[in-house]
Amino acid sequence: MEIEAFILIGGRSSRLGRDKAFVKIGGTTLAERALDTVRESGIVSKTTFVAGSETQFAIEALALGATFIFDLSEGRGPVGGLHAALSYAQTDWIFLLACDHPLVSFELLRVLAEGISEEVGAVVPAQPDGRLQPLCAFYNVEAASPIVNEIIQAPRVPPMSEIVDSLRPRIVTHAEYSYLASSDHFFSNLNSPDEMKQIEELWLRMNTD
């Protein structure tokens, strides 16, 4: 089965004060780190970055070595990114990853991929606190496209968790991937200078233990 990956590089973080995708952790930008993680998993045939608009990252895109697409409906947050990914997808399944989860490992992607089947419309991990993480998940294009296409222009775009709930998802619990190194930190999010410092410290510990 061929699977395409789409990496959401989002926009400018007001709390961080700069574009998250090009912040460096351990000498590597979040965009590059996400790209490396997806490629190292060995389960995708093609990787594409999804930016918020055609004016975003025009120069930086040249250095990343991957295809770029842009939100077809701007200002719709991560749902807009999913909508663009589904619209451009040429495979039955896609993998969606937000670049601001820099500690996600390629081993986790392999565990999640094992949950793909004809009986489900998405494969989504649950964080250690039980909350779903729909921005590191697999989506069945045929199942998800009509749902996302219907809601993308609605006055209120629902959170990603509501979309996941409508897809008969296979939820991969933390217990199912807790044996992976540093699994408690996979979904540490980078949105502020304090979080950036914490993630840098975590990354250093993970790579020196």
Protein backbone atom coordinates (compact mmCIF):
# COMPACT_ATOMS: atom_id res chain seq x y z
CA MET A 1 0.00 0.00 0.00
CA GLU A 2 1.34 3.42 -0.95
CA ILE A 3 0.86 6.22 1.57
CA GLU A 4 1.57 9.92 1.11
CA ALA A 5 2.66 12.06 4.04
CA PHE A 6 1.69 15.70 4.50
CA ILE A 7 3.55 17.87 7.01
CA LEU A 8 1.73 20.93 8.34
CA ILE A 9 4.16 23.80 8.73
CA GLY A 10 1.47 26.24 9.82
CA GLY A 11 2.07 29.94 10.22
CA ARG A 12 3.67 32.47 12.50
CA SER A 13 3.33 31.70 16.20
CA SER A 14 2.35 34.86 18.05
CA ARG A 15 3.64 33.47 21.35
CA LEU A 16 6.93 32.31 19.86
CA GLY A 17 7.33 35.43 17.76
CA ARG A 18 8.55 33.66 14.61
CA ASP A 19 7.65 30.89 12.19
CA LYS A 20 7.77 27.63 14.11
CA ALA A 21 8.68 25.55 11.09
CA PHE A 22 12.15 27.12 10.92
CA VAL A 23 12.99 27.13 14.62
CA LYS A 24 15.96 24.84 15.26
CA ILE A 25 16.15 22.06 17.83
CA GLY A 26 19.49 20.32 18.01
CA GLY A 27 20.66 22.22 14.97
CA THR A 28 17.76 21.07 12.77
CA THR A 29 14.61 23.02 11.92
CA LEU A 30 11.25 21.60 12.91
CA ALA A 31 10.33 21.29 9.23
CA GLU A 32 13.49 19.32 8.46
CA ARG A 33 13.07 17.19 11.57
CA ALA A 34 9.51 16.23 10.61
CA LEU A 35 10.63 15.42 7.08
CA ASP A 36 13.45 13.21 8.38
CA THR A 37 11.09 11.41 10.78
CA VAL A 38 8.60 10.61 8.03
CA ARG A 39 11.29 9.42 5.64
CA GLU A 40 13.03 7.30 8.27
CA SER A 41 9.77 5.46 8.96
CA GLY A 42 10.02 3.90 5.51
CA ILE A 43 6.24 3.71 5.14
CA VAL A 44 5.47 6.63 2.84
CA SER A 45 5.99 6.97 -0.90
CA LYS A 46 6.00 10.78 -1.01
CA THR A 47 6.16 13.66 1.46
CA THR A 48 4.63 17.10 0.92
CA PHE A 49 4.65 20.23 3.07
CA VAL A 50 1.37 22.10 3.59
CA ALA A 51 1.69 25.86 4.13
CA GLY A 52 -1.01 28.32 5.02
CA SER A 53 -0.72 30.45 1.89
CA GLU A 54 1.24 30.79 -1.34
CA THR A 55 3.29 33.67 0.09
CA GLN A 56 4.46 31.66 3.07
CA PHE A 57 8.01 30.31 3.17
CA ALA A 58 8.72 31.04 -0.52
CA ILE A 59 12.47 31.25 0.04
CA GLU A 60 12.83 28.60 2.75
CA ALA A 61 10.89 26.08 0.66
CA LEU A 62 13.73 25.85 -1.82
CA ALA A 63 16.06 24.39 0.80
CA LEU A 64 13.77 21.68 2.15
CA GLY A 65 13.87 19.28 -0.77
CA ALA A 66 10.18 18.38 -0.76
CA THR A 67 7.04 19.41 -2.59
CA PHE A 68 4.90 22.26 -1.24
CA ILE A 69 1.15 22.76 -1.42
CA PHE A 70 -0.99 25.45 0.17
CA ASP A 71 -4.30 25.64 2.01
CA LEU A 72 -7.17 25.88 -0.45
CA SER A 73 -9.26 27.65 2.19
CA GLU A 74 -7.07 30.01 4.19
CA GLY A 75 -7.55 30.75 7.86
CA ARG A 76 -9.14 27.41 8.75
CA GLY A 77 -6.34 26.15 10.97
CA PRO A 78 -5.26 22.50 10.89
CA VAL A 79 -8.57 21.48 9.30
CA GLY A 80 -7.54 23.62 6.32
CA GLY A 81 -4.29 21.68 6.14
CA LEU A 82 -6.10 18.36 6.25
CA HIS A 83 -8.48 19.59 3.56
CA ALA A 84 -5.58 20.53 1.28
CA ALA A 85 -3.84 17.21 1.92
CA LEU A 86 -6.95 15.20 1.10
CA SER A 87 -7.56 17.31 -2.02
CA TYR A 88 -4.07 16.66 -3.39
CA ALA A 89 -3.72 13.06 -2.24
CA GLN A 90 -3.15 10.40 -4.87
CA THR A 91 -3.14 7.44 -2.50
CA ASP A 92 -5.87 5.68 -0.53
CA TRP A 93 -4.35 6.72 2.79
CA ILE A 94 -2.39 9.75 3.94
CA PHE A 95 -0.33 10.49 7.02
CA LEU A 96 -0.71 13.94 8.56
CA LEU A 97 1.96 15.39 10.88
CA ALA A 98 2.27 18.82 12.48
CA CYS A 99 5.86 20.01 12.48
CA ASP A 100 5.61 21.41 16.02
CA HIS A 101 5.79 17.93 17.54
CA PRO A 102 9.55 17.54 17.08
CA LEU A 103 9.96 14.59 19.43
CA VAL A 104 7.70 12.21 17.48
CA SER A 105 9.76 9.20 16.39
CA PHE A 106 9.68 7.20 13.20
CA GLU A 107 9.04 4.08 15.31
CA LEU A 108 5.71 5.57 16.42
CA LEU A 109 4.69 6.03 12.79
CA ARG A 110 5.32 2.35 12.18
CA VAL A 111 3.20 1.37 15.17
CA LEU A 112 0.34 3.57 13.98
CA ALA A 113 0.55 2.19 10.43
CA GLU A 114 -0.16 -1.29 11.78
CA GLY A 115 -3.67 -0.08 12.63
CA ILE A 116 -4.64 0.68 9.03
CA SER A 117 -7.48 -1.50 7.78
CA GLU A 118 -10.59 -1.38 5.62
CA GLU A 119 -12.75 -1.21 8.75
CA VAL A 120 -11.53 2.20 9.91
CA GLY A 121 -11.36 5.72 8.48
CA ALA A 122 -8.44 6.95 10.58
CA VAL A 123 -5.69 5.70 12.86
CA VAL A 124 -5.04 8.15 15.68
CA PRO A 125 -2.79 7.93 18.74
CA ALA A 126 -3.95 8.81 22.22
CA GLN A 127 -1.51 10.86 24.28
CA PRO A 128 -0.45 9.67 27.74
CA ASP A 129 -3.21 11.88 29.20
CA GLY A 130 -5.80 10.13 27.03
CA ARG A 131 -6.45 13.00 24.63
CA LEU A 132 -6.34 12.16 20.92
CA GLN A 133 -3.60 13.59 18.73
CA PRO A 134 -5.15 14.01 15.25
CA LEU A 135 -2.09 15.88 13.93
CA CYS A 136 0.01 12.73 13.96
CA ALA A 137 -2.42 10.34 12.33
CA PHE A 138 -3.37 8.33 9.27
CA TYR A 139 -6.53 9.18 7.31
CA ASN A 140 -8.46 7.19 4.74
CA VAL A 141 -8.93 9.61 1.84
CA GLU A 142 -12.25 8.19 0.64
CA ALA A 143 -13.76 8.28 4.13
CA ALA A 144 -12.41 11.64 5.26
CA SER A 145 -12.75 13.73 2.07
CA PRO A 146 -16.55 14.13 1.95
CA ILE A 147 -16.70 15.03 5.65
CA VAL A 148 -13.93 17.63 5.43
CA ASN A 149 -15.19 19.03 2.12
CA GLU A 150 -18.60 19.63 3.68
CA ILE A 151 -17.37 21.46 6.76
CA ILE A 152 -14.43 23.47 5.39
CA GLN A 153 -16.64 26.41 4.33
CA ALA A 154 -18.95 26.26 7.33
CA PRO A 155 -19.11 29.33 9.62
CA ARG A 156 -17.78 27.17 12.43
CA VAL A 157 -15.07 24.70 11.56
CA PRO A 158 -15.13 21.97 14.20
CA PRO A 159 -11.98 20.84 16.00
CA MET A 160 -10.04 17.97 14.49
CA SER A 161 -11.21 15.66 17.26
CA GLU A 162 -14.82 15.92 16.02
CA ILE A 163 -13.73 14.94 12.51
CA VAL A 164 -11.84 11.96 13.90
CA ASP A 165 -14.89 10.84 15.88
CA SER A 166 -16.91 10.63 12.65
CA LEU A 167 -14.40 8.35 10.92
CA ARG A 168 -14.75 5.13 12.92
CA PRO A 169 -11.16 5.61 14.10
CA ARG A 170 -8.73 3.04 15.35
CA ILE A 171 -7.39 4.64 18.51
CA VAL A 172 -3.86 3.57 19.40
CA THR A 173 -3.54 3.94 23.17
CA HIS A 174 -0.40 5.06 24.92
CA ALA A 175 -0.09 1.58 26.40
CA GLU A 176 0.35 0.22 22.87
CA TYR A 177 3.40 2.36 22.16
CA SER A 178 4.71 3.05 25.67
CA TYR A 179 7.60 0.62 25.09
CA LEU A 180 9.11 3.10 22.62
CA ALA A 181 11.89 5.29 24.00
CA SER A 182 10.68 8.67 25.30
CA SER A 183 7.05 7.89 24.43
CA ASP A 184 5.82 10.18 27.22
CA HIS A 185 7.27 13.15 25.34
CA PHE A 186 6.27 12.42 21.74
CA PHE A 187 3.58 15.09 21.70
CA SER A 188 5.40 17.82 23.57
CA ASN A 189 4.28 20.92 21.72
CA LEU A 190 6.38 23.96 20.81
CA ASN A 191 4.40 27.20 20.99
CA SER A 192 6.37 29.53 23.24
CA PRO A 193 9.97 30.34 24.23
CA ASP A 194 9.50 28.39 27.49
CA GLU A 195 8.25 25.32 25.62
CA MET A 196 11.11 25.64 23.17
CA LYS A 197 13.61 25.57 26.04
CA GLN A 198 11.90 22.55 27.58
CA ILE A 199 11.94 20.65 24.30
CA GLU A 200 15.60 21.50 23.71
CA GLU A 201 16.39 20.06 27.15
CA LEU A 202 14.31 16.94 26.44
CA TRP A 203 15.99 16.48 23.07
CA LEU A 204 19.43 16.77 24.67
CA ARG A 205 18.55 14.17 27.32
CA MET A 206 17.07 11.82 24.72
CA ASN A 207 20.24 12.00 22.65
CA THR A 208 22.79 11.67 25.46
CA ASP A 209 21.26 8.91 27.62
